[in-house]
Amino acid sequence: MRLRNYLLMRKYSWNPEGVLLGVFAVSGGNANFAFVPGGMYIFNEYKLFKVTLQAEGREVKRDFGLY
């Protein structure tokens, strides 16, 4: 149970080949996240965190019309 709780409190980022790119850990765990232009928002029960990213994926560019 302890390992399961540890894994649930983080957001993992993988590339298409299955290589781990990074782990985002926030105080209090997380409930959800959303990509936005230039970053990502991570939510938990009490707070909203903004992570600034320099890389933009194809989906974010397409979803927000940033061609």
C-alpha atoms as a PDB file:
ATOM      1  CA  MET A   1       0.000   0.000   0.000  1.00  0.00           C
ATOM      2  CA  ARG A   2       2.831   2.406   0.777  1.00  0.00           C
ATOM      3  CA  LEU A   3       4.396   1.986  -2.698  1.00  0.00           C
ATOM      4  CA  ARG A   4       0.981   2.419  -4.336  1.00  0.00           C
ATOM      5  CA  ASN A   5       0.426   5.724  -2.511  1.00  0.00           C
ATOM      6  CA  TYR A   6       3.917   6.865  -3.514  1.00  0.00           C
ATOM      7  CA  LEU A   7       3.191   6.140  -7.180  1.00  0.00           C
ATOM      8  CA  LEU A   8      -0.217   7.845  -7.134  1.00  0.00           C
ATOM      9  CA  MET A   9       1.206  11.117  -5.771  1.00  0.00           C
ATOM     10  CA  ARG A  10       3.274  11.760  -8.921  1.00  0.00           C
ATOM     11  CA  LYS A  11       2.703  12.454 -12.608  1.00  0.00           C
ATOM     12  CA  TYR A  12       5.014  10.550 -14.934  1.00  0.00           C
ATOM     13  CA  SER A  13       5.992  11.749 -18.416  1.00  0.00           C
ATOM     14  CA  TRP A  14       7.034   9.167 -21.038  1.00  0.00           C
ATOM     15  CA  ASN A  15       8.116   9.510 -24.651  1.00  0.00           C
ATOM     16  CA  PRO A  16       6.514   7.398 -27.430  1.00  0.00           C
ATOM     17  CA  GLU A  17       9.277   4.778 -27.067  1.00  0.00           C
ATOM     18  CA  GLY A  18       8.438   4.279 -23.387  1.00  0.00           C
ATOM     19  CA  VAL A  19      11.430   6.116 -21.919  1.00  0.00           C
ATOM     20  CA  LEU A  20      10.717   8.035 -18.724  1.00  0.00           C
ATOM     21  CA  LEU A  21      11.297  11.758 -19.374  1.00  0.00           C
ATOM     22  CA  GLY A  22      10.458  13.123 -15.956  1.00  0.00           C
ATOM     23  CA  VAL A  23       8.419  12.907 -12.784  1.00  0.00           C
ATOM     24  CA  PHE A  24       6.371  15.754 -11.332  1.00  0.00           C
ATOM     25  CA  ALA A  25       5.760  15.422  -7.595  1.00  0.00           C
ATOM     26  CA  VAL A  26       3.562  17.957  -5.817  1.00  0.00           C
ATOM     27  CA  SER A  27       2.859  18.437  -2.135  1.00  0.00           C
ATOM     28  CA  GLY A  28      -0.402  16.756  -1.176  1.00  0.00           C
ATOM     29  CA  GLY A  29      -0.489  14.495  -4.233  1.00  0.00           C
ATOM     30  CA  ASN A  30      -2.380  15.232  -7.426  1.00  0.00           C
ATOM     31  CA  ALA A  31      -5.871  14.683  -8.755  1.00  0.00           C
ATOM     32  CA  ASN A  32      -5.485  15.705 -12.400  1.00  0.00           C
ATOM     33  CA  PHE A  33      -3.369  17.636 -14.882  1.00  0.00           C
ATOM     34  CA  ALA A  34      -3.798  19.518 -18.153  1.00  0.00           C
ATOM     35  CA  PHE A  35      -1.355  20.626 -20.838  1.00  0.00           C
ATOM     36  CA  VAL A  36      -1.543  24.287 -21.896  1.00  0.00           C
ATOM     37  CA  PRO A  37       0.668  26.306 -24.254  1.00  0.00           C
ATOM     38  CA  GLY A  38       4.073  26.620 -22.600  1.00  0.00           C
ATOM     39  CA  GLY A  39       3.363  24.323 -19.687  1.00  0.00           C
ATOM     40  CA  MET A  40       1.050  22.148 -17.677  1.00  0.00           C
ATOM     41  CA  TYR A  41      -1.299  22.622 -14.733  1.00  0.00           C
ATOM     42  CA  ILE A  42      -1.319  20.021 -11.956  1.00  0.00           C
ATOM     43  CA  PHE A  43      -4.287  20.040  -9.580  1.00  0.00           C
ATOM     44  CA  ASN A  44      -4.840  18.494  -6.177  1.00  0.00           C
ATOM     45  CA  GLU A  45      -7.616  18.861  -3.621  1.00  0.00           C
ATOM     46  CA  TYR A  46      -6.328  22.214  -2.341  1.00  0.00           C
ATOM     47  CA  LYS A  47      -3.886  23.775  -4.795  1.00  0.00           C
ATOM     48  CA  LEU A  48      -3.170  24.474  -8.443  1.00  0.00           C
ATOM     49  CA  PHE A  49       0.426  24.222  -9.681  1.00  0.00           C
ATOM     50  CA  LYS A  50       1.739  25.563 -13.009  1.00  0.00           C
ATOM     51  CA  VAL A  51       4.761  23.839 -14.508  1.00  0.00           C
ATOM     52  CA  THR A  52       6.552  25.820 -17.219  1.00  0.00           C
ATOM     53  CA  LEU A  53       7.775  23.668 -20.115  1.00  0.00           C
ATOM     54  CA  GLN A  54       9.983  24.780 -22.987  1.00  0.00           C
ATOM     55  CA  ALA A  55       8.976  21.901 -25.252  1.00  0.00           C
ATOM     56  CA  GLU A  56       5.629  21.880 -27.028  1.00  0.00           C
ATOM     57  CA  GLY A  57       4.078  18.639 -28.139  1.00  0.00           C
ATOM     58  CA  ARG A  58       2.106  18.174 -31.320  1.00  0.00           C
ATOM     59  CA  GLU A  59      -1.196  17.773 -29.462  1.00  0.00           C
ATOM     60  CA  VAL A  60      -0.878  21.069 -27.571  1.00  0.00           C
ATOM     61  CA  LYS A  61       0.016  22.954 -30.748  1.00  0.00           C
ATOM     62  CA  ARG A  62      -2.923  21.417 -32.615  1.00  0.00           C
ATOM     63  CA  ASP A  63      -5.439  21.773 -29.770  1.00  0.00           C
ATOM     64  CA  PHE A  64      -4.662  25.460 -29.251  1.00  0.00           C
ATOM     65  CA  GLY A  65      -4.199  26.347 -32.939  1.00  0.00           C
ATOM     66  CA  LEU A  66      -0.501  27.202 -32.570  1.00  0.00           C
ATOM     67  CA  TYR A  67       0.729  26.018 -35.975  1.00  0.00           C
END
